[in-house]
Amino acid sequence: MKRTHLPLNALRVFDAAARHLSFTRAADELAVTPAAVGQQIRALEDVLGVVLFRRTSKGLELTDEAVAGLDTLREGFLRFEESVQAMQAGQSSYSYAIAAPHEFWATWLAPRLAAFRKENPEIRYQLIAGEEVDFTEANLDIAIRLAEGPGDLEGLQLAPAMRVVVATDSAPDDWIAWPGAPLPDGAEAVLQVGNAAQALASVRAGLGKAMLPLLLVEELLADGRLKALQGPEPGHRAYWLVAPRPQWRQKKVRQLVEFLMA
């Protein structure tokens, strides 16, 4: 029998039924109905061409054919568990590969990662340049993206999608435009930049005003380094923590996400 044709689910049901010698108790363990257990056992018997259980006045009994393969089957399941544990161990619990926009790393994420590491000194970080990096190619654990939603990934929104027009106290009344923030009708930009990082750097240098995500500039507004000229107001894009489902389920990723969301 080819490996791809192994009836693994039916073998798992057989193992449970053999341990309990009861379809009902096996069903309780597997969170299915006794009828489903019976169907799996009959299907397995059809595939193998043998009878696995017989009913007696005392209840279910294993046939000689069932007993002959049971120890090896259970050893196989143990090897499966060891294999899974080995694969999980290959992903370090203390190392994070993170992709994030440069400006967001500098103003929001880096201080929080420092606080997380203060509580967990064994932690190590690797920052991957570019928020749209492929998770598989870069072996990412998690990414932060400025987007309308998580797309095909699992994700949590860090804050509501709010935006605000900001400038320094001495800045001229000139617009700085970037692709993520359309200008008001009739407004003309004196400076066109490529992303939020360049827009924020230009604002902080006193070149003019720009519309930026509130979460990006919230702390700069709070300590007076920037001032709000308009807003905050609802926007379309927010900062999202995103990852494919396998990464999202990792214990270390859940711990970091819980810390950042807190």
Protein backbone atom coordinates (compact mmCIF):
# COMPACT_ATOMS: atom_id res chain seq x y z
CA MET A 1 0.00 0.00 0.00
CA LYS A 2 1.38 3.43 -0.98
CA ARG A 3 2.02 5.90 1.82
CA THR A 4 -0.33 8.37 0.18
CA HIS A 5 -3.11 5.78 0.45
CA LEU A 6 -2.65 4.92 4.11
CA PRO A 7 -6.02 5.32 5.90
CA LEU A 8 -4.47 7.31 8.75
CA ASN A 9 -7.73 8.61 10.19
CA ALA A 10 -9.26 5.13 10.24
CA LEU A 11 -6.11 3.75 11.88
CA ARG A 12 -6.38 6.43 14.57
CA VAL A 13 -9.99 5.41 15.18
CA PHE A 14 -8.95 1.74 15.33
CA ASP A 15 -6.28 2.55 17.94
CA ALA A 16 -8.83 4.33 20.14
CA ALA A 17 -11.42 1.57 19.80
CA ALA A 18 -8.79 -1.10 20.56
CA ARG A 19 -7.70 0.70 23.73
CA HIS A 20 -11.23 1.11 25.03
CA LEU A 21 -12.76 -2.02 23.47
CA SER A 22 -15.78 0.20 23.01
CA PHE A 23 -16.95 2.25 20.04
CA THR A 24 -18.84 4.56 22.40
CA ARG A 25 -15.82 5.41 24.57
CA ALA A 26 -13.64 5.75 21.46
CA ALA A 27 -16.20 8.18 20.05
CA ASP A 28 -16.08 10.23 23.26
CA GLU A 29 -12.28 10.45 23.03
CA LEU A 30 -12.34 11.47 19.37
CA ALA A 31 -15.34 13.81 19.69
CA VAL A 32 -17.37 11.94 17.06
CA THR A 33 -20.43 9.68 17.16
CA PRO A 34 -20.27 5.91 17.81
CA ALA A 35 -21.80 5.45 14.35
CA ALA A 36 -18.86 7.35 12.82
CA VAL A 37 -16.42 5.09 14.66
CA GLY A 38 -18.24 2.04 13.34
CA GLN A 39 -18.12 3.38 9.80
CA GLN A 40 -14.38 4.02 10.02
CA ILE A 41 -13.73 0.53 11.40
CA ARG A 42 -15.80 -1.13 8.65
CA ALA A 43 -14.02 0.94 5.99
CA LEU A 44 -10.64 -0.06 7.43
CA GLU A 45 -11.65 -3.73 7.47
CA ASP A 46 -12.65 -3.42 3.80
CA VAL A 47 -9.29 -1.87 2.90
CA LEU A 48 -7.27 -4.45 4.85
CA GLY A 49 -9.44 -7.42 3.98
CA VAL A 50 -9.58 -8.63 7.60
CA VAL A 51 -11.99 -8.52 10.53
CA LEU A 52 -10.65 -6.41 13.42
CA PHE A 53 -13.33 -6.83 16.12
CA ARG A 54 -15.79 -9.50 17.12
CA ARG A 55 -18.75 -9.06 19.41
CA THR A 56 -19.13 -11.52 22.30
CA SER A 57 -21.38 -11.79 25.31
CA LYS A 58 -18.68 -9.88 27.24
CA GLY A 59 -18.43 -7.07 24.68
CA LEU A 60 -15.91 -6.26 21.94
CA GLU A 61 -12.81 -8.39 21.43
CA LEU A 62 -9.86 -7.92 19.11
CA THR A 63 -9.26 -10.56 16.46
CA ASP A 64 -5.86 -12.20 16.08
CA GLU A 65 -5.27 -10.07 12.95
CA ALA A 66 -5.96 -6.88 14.88
CA VAL A 67 -3.64 -7.88 17.73
CA ALA A 68 -0.88 -8.74 15.26
CA GLY A 69 -0.65 -5.16 13.96
CA LEU A 70 -1.58 -3.14 17.03
CA ASP A 71 1.83 -2.76 18.73
CA THR A 72 3.51 -1.68 15.50
CA LEU A 73 0.68 0.78 14.80
CA ARG A 74 1.03 2.39 18.23
CA GLU A 75 4.79 2.59 17.81
CA GLY A 76 4.14 4.37 14.52
CA PHE A 77 1.88 6.95 16.18
CA LEU A 78 4.58 7.59 18.78
CA ARG A 79 7.07 8.17 15.98
CA PHE A 80 4.62 10.60 14.38
CA GLU A 81 4.48 12.54 17.65
CA GLU A 82 8.29 12.57 17.89
CA SER A 83 8.48 13.84 14.30
CA VAL A 84 6.07 16.68 14.99
CA GLN A 85 7.97 17.66 18.13
CA ALA A 86 11.26 17.64 16.20
CA MET A 87 9.82 19.91 13.51
CA GLN A 88 8.44 22.28 16.14
CA ALA A 89 11.77 22.32 17.96
CA GLY A 90 13.45 23.43 14.75
CA GLN A 91 11.66 26.76 15.04
CA SER A 92 13.50 28.59 17.82
CA SER A 93 11.24 29.75 20.62
CA TYR A 94 13.57 32.65 21.29
CA SER A 95 14.14 34.13 17.85
CA TYR A 96 11.70 36.30 15.90
CA ALA A 97 11.96 37.26 12.23
CA ILE A 98 9.78 40.33 11.74
CA ALA A 99 8.98 42.45 8.69
CA ALA A 100 7.66 45.95 9.30
CA PRO A 101 7.60 49.34 7.59
CA HIS A 102 10.73 51.30 8.52
CA GLU A 103 8.87 54.28 9.94
CA PHE A 104 6.61 52.09 12.05
CA TRP A 105 9.57 50.13 13.40
CA ALA A 106 11.30 53.33 14.48
CA THR A 107 8.36 55.15 16.06
CA TRP A 108 6.12 52.40 17.45
CA LEU A 109 7.40 48.84 17.23
CA ALA A 110 11.03 49.05 18.40
CA PRO A 111 10.21 50.49 21.87
CA ARG A 112 7.63 47.77 22.45
CA LEU A 113 9.97 45.02 21.33
CA ALA A 114 12.53 46.41 23.76
CA ALA A 115 9.95 46.18 26.55
CA PHE A 116 9.07 42.60 25.53
CA ARG A 117 12.75 41.62 25.58
CA LYS A 118 13.19 43.23 28.99
CA GLU A 119 10.67 40.69 30.29
CA ASN A 120 12.24 37.90 28.20
CA PRO A 121 16.02 38.51 28.04
CA GLU A 122 16.66 35.40 25.95
CA ILE A 123 14.69 36.85 23.02
CA ARG A 124 16.49 37.71 19.76
CA TYR A 125 15.09 39.68 16.83
CA GLN A 126 15.78 39.81 13.10
CA LEU A 127 14.27 42.73 11.19
CA ILE A 128 13.52 41.94 7.55
CA ALA A 129 13.46 44.92 5.21
CA GLY A 130 10.16 45.54 3.44
CA GLU A 131 6.67 44.89 4.76
CA GLU A 132 5.60 42.87 1.67
CA VAL A 133 8.33 40.24 2.08
CA ASP A 134 7.24 36.67 1.31
CA PHE A 135 6.81 34.71 4.54
CA THR A 136 8.24 31.46 3.19
CA GLU A 137 11.25 32.94 1.41
CA ALA A 138 12.27 35.06 4.40
CA ASN A 139 11.22 32.50 7.04
CA LEU A 140 9.16 35.21 8.73
CA ASP A 141 7.32 34.74 11.98
CA ILE A 142 5.14 37.83 11.70
CA ALA A 143 4.77 41.03 9.69
CA ILE A 144 3.20 44.43 10.22
CA ARG A 145 1.53 45.96 7.20
CA LEU A 146 -0.35 49.18 6.49
CA ALA A 147 -3.37 47.80 4.68
CA GLU A 148 -7.16 47.71 4.48
CA GLY A 149 -7.17 44.21 5.97
CA PRO A 150 -5.13 41.04 6.49
CA GLY A 151 -5.91 39.66 3.03
CA ASP A 152 -5.31 35.91 2.85
CA LEU A 153 -3.40 35.88 6.14
CA GLU A 154 -4.47 35.67 9.75
CA GLY A 155 -4.33 39.10 11.37
CA LEU A 156 -5.20 41.56 14.08
CA GLN A 157 -5.67 45.29 13.62
CA LEU A 158 -3.40 47.22 15.99
CA ALA A 159 -5.66 50.28 16.13
CA PRO A 160 -8.63 51.77 14.28
CA ALA A 161 -7.96 53.11 10.78
CA MET A 162 -7.54 56.80 11.66
CA ARG A 163 -5.46 59.46 9.93
CA VAL A 164 -4.38 62.97 10.82
CA VAL A 165 -2.71 65.92 9.09
CA VAL A 166 0.49 66.86 10.97
CA ALA A 167 3.33 69.35 10.78
CA THR A 168 5.95 71.01 12.96
CA ASP A 169 5.29 74.40 14.55
CA SER A 170 7.46 76.25 12.05
CA ALA A 171 6.54 74.34 8.89
CA PRO A 172 5.20 76.14 5.80
CA ASP A 173 1.62 75.47 4.74
CA ASP A 174 2.73 73.14 1.93
CA TRP A 175 1.51 69.63 1.23
CA ILE A 176 3.76 66.58 1.23
CA ALA A 177 2.12 63.81 -0.81
CA TRP A 178 2.70 60.06 -0.73
CA PRO A 179 0.76 57.13 -2.27
CA GLY A 180 -1.08 56.24 0.93
CA ALA A 181 -2.67 59.65 1.45
CA PRO A 182 -4.54 61.43 -1.36
CA LEU A 183 -4.50 65.21 -1.13
CA PRO A 184 -7.67 67.27 -0.65
CA ASP A 185 -9.42 68.46 -3.80
CA GLY A 186 -7.55 71.38 -5.32
CA ALA A 187 -4.45 70.91 -3.17
CA GLU A 188 -1.04 70.75 -4.80
CA ALA A 189 2.00 69.03 -3.34
CA VAL A 190 5.34 70.81 -3.21
CA LEU A 191 6.98 67.47 -2.38
CA GLN A 192 6.05 64.01 -3.64
CA VAL A 193 7.58 61.05 -1.75
CA GLY A 194 7.28 57.30 -2.10
CA ASN A 195 6.05 56.06 1.28
CA ALA A 196 5.00 56.95 4.81
CA ALA A 197 8.58 56.83 6.10
CA GLN A 198 9.70 59.53 3.67
CA ALA A 199 6.57 61.57 4.36
CA LEU A 200 7.15 61.45 8.11
CA ALA A 201 10.83 62.33 7.77
CA SER A 202 9.91 65.26 5.55
CA VAL A 203 7.31 66.51 8.03
CA ARG A 204 9.76 66.27 10.93
CA ALA A 205 12.35 68.18 8.89
CA GLY A 206 9.88 71.05 8.55
CA LEU A 207 9.23 70.73 4.81
CA GLY A 208 5.45 70.92 5.13
CA LYS A 209 2.39 69.00 6.23
CA ALA A 210 1.20 65.48 5.43
CA MET A 211 -1.68 63.17 6.19
CA LEU A 212 -0.36 60.15 8.11
CA PRO A 213 -1.78 57.20 10.07
CA LEU A 214 -2.65 58.31 13.60
CA LEU A 215 -0.95 55.31 15.21
CA LEU A 216 2.30 56.25 13.46
CA VAL A 217 2.40 59.82 14.86
CA GLU A 218 0.41 59.46 18.09
CA GLU A 219 3.44 59.60 20.38
CA LEU A 220 5.02 62.46 18.38
CA LEU A 221 1.80 64.43 18.88
CA ALA A 222 1.65 63.60 22.56
CA ASP A 223 5.13 64.92 23.32
CA GLY A 224 4.77 68.02 21.15
CA ARG A 225 7.23 67.15 18.41
CA LEU A 226 4.38 67.42 15.90
CA LYS A 227 1.02 69.19 15.94
CA ALA A 228 -2.30 68.09 14.46
CA LEU A 229 -3.67 70.47 11.82
CA GLN A 230 -6.67 68.39 10.84
CA GLY A 231 -8.32 65.28 12.29
CA PRO A 232 -8.01 62.60 13.45
CA GLU A 233 -10.57 61.26 11.01
CA PRO A 234 -11.48 57.78 9.74
CA GLY A 235 -9.28 56.35 7.00
CA HIS A 236 -9.17 53.20 4.92
CA ARG A 237 -5.89 51.63 5.96
CA ALA A 238 -4.59 50.56 9.36
CA TYR A 239 -1.55 48.77 10.73
CA TRP A 240 -2.15 45.03 10.90
CA LEU A 241 -0.20 42.23 12.56
CA VAL A 242 -0.33 39.41 10.00
CA ALA A 243 1.01 35.89 9.54
CA PRO A 244 -0.02 32.65 7.80
CA ARG A 245 -2.05 30.34 10.00
CA PRO A 246 0.84 27.94 10.88
CA GLN A 247 2.94 30.84 12.20
CA TRP A 248 -0.08 32.40 13.89
CA ARG A 249 -0.59 29.21 15.90
CA GLN A 250 2.98 29.15 17.24
CA LYS A 251 3.17 29.73 20.98
CA LYS A 252 5.94 32.31 20.66
CA VAL A 253 3.98 34.30 18.06
CA ARG A 254 0.87 34.27 20.24
CA GLN A 255 2.92 35.55 23.19
CA LEU A 256 4.35 38.44 21.17
CA VAL A 257 0.98 39.35 19.68
CA GLU A 258 -0.67 39.36 23.10
CA PHE A 259 2.06 41.66 24.41
CA LEU A 260 1.77 44.09 21.50
CA MET A 261 -2.03 44.15 21.62
CA ALA A 262 -1.97 44.84 25.36
